[in-house]
Amino acid sequence: MATQVAKNPTGATIKTSKPPYPYRTGWALLLLGINFVVAAYYFGILK
């Protein structure tokens, strides 16, 4: 019994799929774009 636990140190967690990195990347790029627009207004590039 103890040897089975040692073979699987993560416990009962099962990796079923990959993390949603495209979703995070999309939000990160959107926020970065908004940040550049705000910076352009701040520095007077956009009026």
PDB file of N, CA and C in Angstrom:
ATOM      1  N   MET A   1       0.823  -1.191   0.000  1.00  0.00           N
ATOM      2  CA  MET A   1       0.000   0.000   0.000  1.00  0.00           C
ATOM      3  C   MET A   1       0.864   1.250   0.000  1.00  0.00           C
ATOM      4  N   ALA A   2       1.903   1.268   0.800  1.00  0.00           N
ATOM      5  CA  ALA A   2       2.769   2.442   0.878  1.00  0.00           C
ATOM      6  C   ALA A   2       3.559   2.630  -0.408  1.00  0.00           C
ATOM      7  N   THR A   3       3.869   1.543  -1.096  1.00  0.00           N
ATOM      8  CA  THR A   3       4.625   1.680  -2.340  1.00  0.00           C
ATOM      9  C   THR A   3       3.774   2.309  -3.435  1.00  0.00           C
ATOM     10  N   GLN A   4       2.476   2.091  -3.413  1.00  0.00           N
ATOM     11  CA  GLN A   4       1.613   2.707  -4.419  1.00  0.00           C
ATOM     12  C   GLN A   4       1.551   4.214  -4.234  1.00  0.00           C
ATOM     13  N   VAL A   5       1.541   4.675  -3.011  1.00  0.00           N
ATOM     14  CA  VAL A   5       1.511   6.109  -2.754  1.00  0.00           C
ATOM     15  C   VAL A   5       2.827   6.739  -3.175  1.00  0.00           C
ATOM     16  N   ALA A   6       3.926   6.058  -2.960  1.00  0.00           N
ATOM     17  CA  ALA A   6       5.235   6.588  -3.320  1.00  0.00           C
ATOM     18  C   ALA A   6       5.387   6.709  -4.836  1.00  0.00           C
ATOM     19  N   LYS A   7       4.767   5.815  -5.589  1.00  0.00           N
ATOM     20  CA  LYS A   7       4.873   5.877  -7.045  1.00  0.00           C
ATOM     21  C   LYS A   7       4.101   7.064  -7.615  1.00  0.00           C
ATOM     22  N   ASN A   8       3.041   7.479  -6.948  1.00  0.00           N
ATOM     23  CA  ASN A   8       2.209   8.576  -7.427  1.00  0.00           C
ATOM     24  C   ASN A   8       2.235   9.702  -6.394  1.00  0.00           C
ATOM     25  N   PRO A   9       3.258  10.564  -6.423  1.00  0.00           N
ATOM     26  CA  PRO A   9       3.377  11.599  -5.392  1.00  0.00           C
ATOM     27  C   PRO A   9       2.332  12.705  -5.504  1.00  0.00           C
ATOM     28  N   THR A  10       1.664  12.828  -6.647  1.00  0.00           N
ATOM     29  CA  THR A  10       0.689  13.901  -6.808  1.00  0.00           C
ATOM     30  C   THR A  10      -0.651  13.560  -6.185  1.00  0.00           C
ATOM     31  N   GLY A  11      -0.836  12.351  -5.737  1.00  0.00           N
ATOM     32  CA  GLY A  11      -2.092  11.979  -5.107  1.00  0.00           C
ATOM     33  C   GLY A  11      -3.135  11.593  -6.132  1.00  0.00           C
ATOM     34  N   ALA A  12      -4.355  12.083  -5.946  1.00  0.00           N
ATOM     35  CA  ALA A  12      -5.469  11.677  -6.793  1.00  0.00           C
ATOM     36  C   ALA A  12      -5.684  12.608  -7.982  1.00  0.00           C
ATOM     37  N   THR A  13      -4.798  13.567  -8.179  1.00  0.00           N
ATOM     38  CA  THR A  13      -4.986  14.487  -9.301  1.00  0.00           C
ATOM     39  C   THR A  13      -4.628  13.808 -10.612  1.00  0.00           C
ATOM     40  N   ILE A  14      -5.443  14.052 -11.600  1.00  0.00           N
ATOM     41  CA  ILE A  14      -5.222  13.476 -12.930  1.00  0.00           C
ATOM     42  C   ILE A  14      -5.192  14.620 -13.926  1.00  0.00           C
ATOM     43  N   LYS A  15      -4.149  14.669 -14.733  1.00  0.00           N
ATOM     44  CA  LYS A  15      -4.055  15.706 -15.755  1.00  0.00           C
ATOM     45  C   LYS A  15      -4.903  15.282 -16.945  1.00  0.00           C
ATOM     46  N   THR A  16      -5.982  16.009 -17.162  1.00  0.00           N
ATOM     47  CA  THR A  16      -6.906  15.636 -18.236  1.00  0.00           C
ATOM     48  C   THR A  16      -6.673  16.424 -19.514  1.00  0.00           C
ATOM     49  N   SER A  17      -6.196  17.659 -19.394  1.00  0.00           N
ATOM     50  CA  SER A  17      -5.971  18.469 -20.585  1.00  0.00           C
ATOM     51  C   SER A  17      -4.926  19.522 -20.291  1.00  0.00           C
ATOM     52  N   LYS A  18      -4.523  20.219 -21.339  1.00  0.00           N
ATOM     53  CA  LYS A  18      -3.528  21.275 -21.158  1.00  0.00           C
ATOM     54  C   LYS A  18      -4.176  22.533 -20.590  1.00  0.00           C
ATOM     55  N   PRO A  19      -3.427  23.366 -19.903  1.00  0.00           N
ATOM     56  CA  PRO A  19      -3.981  24.603 -19.352  1.00  0.00           C
ATOM     57  C   PRO A  19      -4.435  25.552 -20.462  1.00  0.00           C
ATOM     58  N   PRO A  20      -5.370  26.434 -20.170  1.00  0.00           N
ATOM     59  CA  PRO A  20      -5.916  27.324 -21.203  1.00  0.00           C
ATOM     60  C   PRO A  20      -5.010  28.514 -21.494  1.00  0.00           C
ATOM     61  N   TYR A  21      -3.803  28.236 -21.965  1.00  0.00           N
ATOM     62  CA  TYR A  21      -2.871  29.327 -22.244  1.00  0.00           C
ATOM     63  C   TYR A  21      -3.333  30.257 -23.360  1.00  0.00           C
ATOM     64  N   PRO A  22      -3.979  29.791 -24.432  1.00  0.00           N
ATOM     65  CA  PRO A  22      -4.452  30.740 -25.456  1.00  0.00           C
ATOM     66  C   PRO A  22      -5.435  31.762 -24.889  1.00  0.00           C
ATOM     67  N   TYR A  23      -6.266  31.363 -23.957  1.00  0.00           N
ATOM     68  CA  TYR A  23      -7.218  32.288 -23.332  1.00  0.00           C
ATOM     69  C   TYR A  23      -6.473  33.350 -22.541  1.00  0.00           C
ATOM     70  N   ARG A  24      -5.494  32.935 -21.757  1.00  0.00           N
ATOM     71  CA  ARG A  24      -4.700  33.894 -20.979  1.00  0.00           C
ATOM     72  C   ARG A  24      -3.904  34.807 -21.892  1.00  0.00           C
ATOM     73  N   THR A  25      -3.362  34.241 -22.952  1.00  0.00           N
ATOM     74  CA  THR A  25      -2.565  35.031 -23.884  1.00  0.00           C
ATOM     75  C   THR A  25      -3.426  36.085 -24.570  1.00  0.00           C
ATOM     76  N   GLY A  26      -4.634  35.719 -24.930  1.00  0.00           N
ATOM     77  CA  GLY A  26      -5.537  36.683 -25.555  1.00  0.00           C
ATOM     78  C   GLY A  26      -5.835  37.856 -24.644  1.00  0.00           C
ATOM     79  N   TRP A  27      -6.130  37.579 -23.396  1.00  0.00           N
ATOM     80  CA  TRP A  27      -6.393  38.663 -22.446  1.00  0.00           C
ATOM     81  C   TRP A  27      -5.154  39.501 -22.209  1.00  0.00           C
ATOM     82  N   ALA A  28      -3.992  38.849 -22.112  1.00  0.00           N
ATOM     83  CA  ALA A  28      -2.753  39.599 -21.887  1.00  0.00           C
ATOM     84  C   ALA A  28      -2.466  40.541 -23.052  1.00  0.00           C
ATOM     85  N   LEU A  29      -2.665  40.072 -24.282  1.00  0.00           N
ATOM     86  CA  LEU A  29      -2.429  40.926 -25.448  1.00  0.00           C
ATOM     87  C   LEU A  29      -3.442  42.062 -25.528  1.00  0.00           C
ATOM     88  N   LEU A  30      -4.687  41.790 -25.168  1.00  0.00           N
ATOM     89  CA  LEU A  30      -5.694  42.846 -25.161  1.00  0.00           C
ATOM     90  C   LEU A  30      -5.336  43.935 -24.149  1.00  0.00           C
ATOM     91  N   LEU A  31      -4.965  43.531 -22.949  1.00  0.00           N
ATOM     92  CA  LEU A  31      -4.603  44.510 -21.924  1.00  0.00           C
ATOM     93  C   LEU A  31      -3.332  45.265 -22.294  1.00  0.00           C
ATOM     94  N   LEU A  32      -2.396  44.598 -22.939  1.00  0.00           N
ATOM     95  CA  LEU A  32      -1.179  45.267 -23.381  1.00  0.00           C
ATOM     96  C   LEU A  32      -1.500  46.312 -24.449  1.00  0.00           C
ATOM     97  N   GLY A  33      -2.394  45.967 -25.366  1.00  0.00           N
ATOM     98  CA  GLY A  33      -2.803  46.928 -26.387  1.00  0.00           C
ATOM     99  C   GLY A  33      -3.481  48.147 -25.786  1.00  0.00           C
ATOM    100  N   ILE A  34      -4.362  47.922 -24.817  1.00  0.00           N
ATOM    101  CA  ILE A  34      -5.012  49.046 -24.133  1.00  0.00           C
ATOM    102  C   ILE A  34      -3.977  49.899 -23.422  1.00  0.00           C
ATOM    103  N   ASN A  35      -2.997  49.253 -22.828  1.00  0.00           N
ATOM    104  CA  ASN A  35      -1.931  49.976 -22.135  1.00  0.00           C
ATOM    105  C   ASN A  35      -1.163  50.875 -23.102  1.00  0.00           C
ATOM    106  N   PHE A  36      -0.871  50.390 -24.306  1.00  0.00           N
ATOM    107  CA  PHE A  36      -0.160  51.206 -25.291  1.00  0.00           C
ATOM    108  C   PHE A  36      -1.015  52.384 -25.759  1.00  0.00           C
ATOM    109  N   VAL A  37      -2.314  52.174 -25.899  1.00  0.00           N
ATOM    110  CA  VAL A  37      -3.198  53.274 -26.302  1.00  0.00           C
ATOM    111  C   VAL A  37      -3.230  54.348 -25.223  1.00  0.00           C
ATOM    112  N   VAL A  38      -3.342  53.943 -23.975  1.00  0.00           N
ATOM    113  CA  VAL A  38      -3.343  54.907 -22.872  1.00  0.00           C
ATOM    114  C   VAL A  38      -2.012  55.645 -22.816  1.00  0.00           C
ATOM    115  N   ALA A  39      -0.907  54.940 -23.026  1.00  0.00           N
ATOM    116  CA  ALA A  39       0.407  55.587 -23.024  1.00  0.00           C
ATOM    117  C   ALA A  39       0.529  56.573 -24.188  1.00  0.00           C
ATOM    118  N   ALA A  40      -0.028  56.225 -25.342  1.00  0.00           N
ATOM    119  CA  ALA A  40       0.022  57.134 -26.487  1.00  0.00           C
ATOM    120  C   ALA A  40      -0.758  58.411 -26.200  1.00  0.00           C
ATOM    121  N   TYR A  41      -1.912  58.292 -25.569  1.00  0.00           N
ATOM    122  CA  TYR A  41      -2.654  59.488 -25.166  1.00  0.00           C
ATOM    123  C   TYR A  41      -1.866  60.296 -24.148  1.00  0.00           C
ATOM    124  N   TYR A  42      -1.242  59.625 -23.212  1.00  0.00           N
ATOM    125  CA  TYR A  42      -0.499  60.304 -22.149  1.00  0.00           C
ATOM    126  C   TYR A  42       0.666  61.113 -22.718  1.00  0.00           C
ATOM    127  N   PHE A  43       1.388  60.535 -23.680  1.00  0.00           N
ATOM    128  CA  PHE A  43       2.550  61.213 -24.258  1.00  0.00           C
ATOM    129  C   PHE A  43       2.189  62.121 -25.426  1.00  0.00           C
ATOM    130  N   GLY A  44       0.921  62.249 -25.748  1.00  0.00           N
ATOM    131  CA  GLY A  44       0.490  63.174 -26.782  1.00  0.00           C
ATOM    132  C   GLY A  44       0.613  62.648 -28.192  1.00  0.00           C
ATOM    133  N   ILE A  45       0.853  61.375 -28.367  1.00  0.00           N
ATOM    134  CA  ILE A  45       0.952  60.799 -29.713  1.00  0.00           C
ATOM    135  C   ILE A  45      -0.438  60.732 -30.344  1.00  0.00           C
ATOM    136  N   LEU A  46      -1.434  60.355 -29.557  1.00  0.00           N
ATOM    137  CA  LEU A  46      -2.826  60.352 -30.010  1.00  0.00           C
ATOM    138  C   LEU A  46      -3.550  61.511 -29.341  1.00  0.00           C
ATOM    139  N   LYS A  47      -4.407  62.155 -30.109  1.00  0.00           N
ATOM    140  CA  LYS A  47      -5.158  63.283 -29.540  1.00  0.00           C
ATOM    141  C   LYS A  47      -6.623  63.132 -29.838  1.00  0.00           C
TER     142      LYS A  47
END
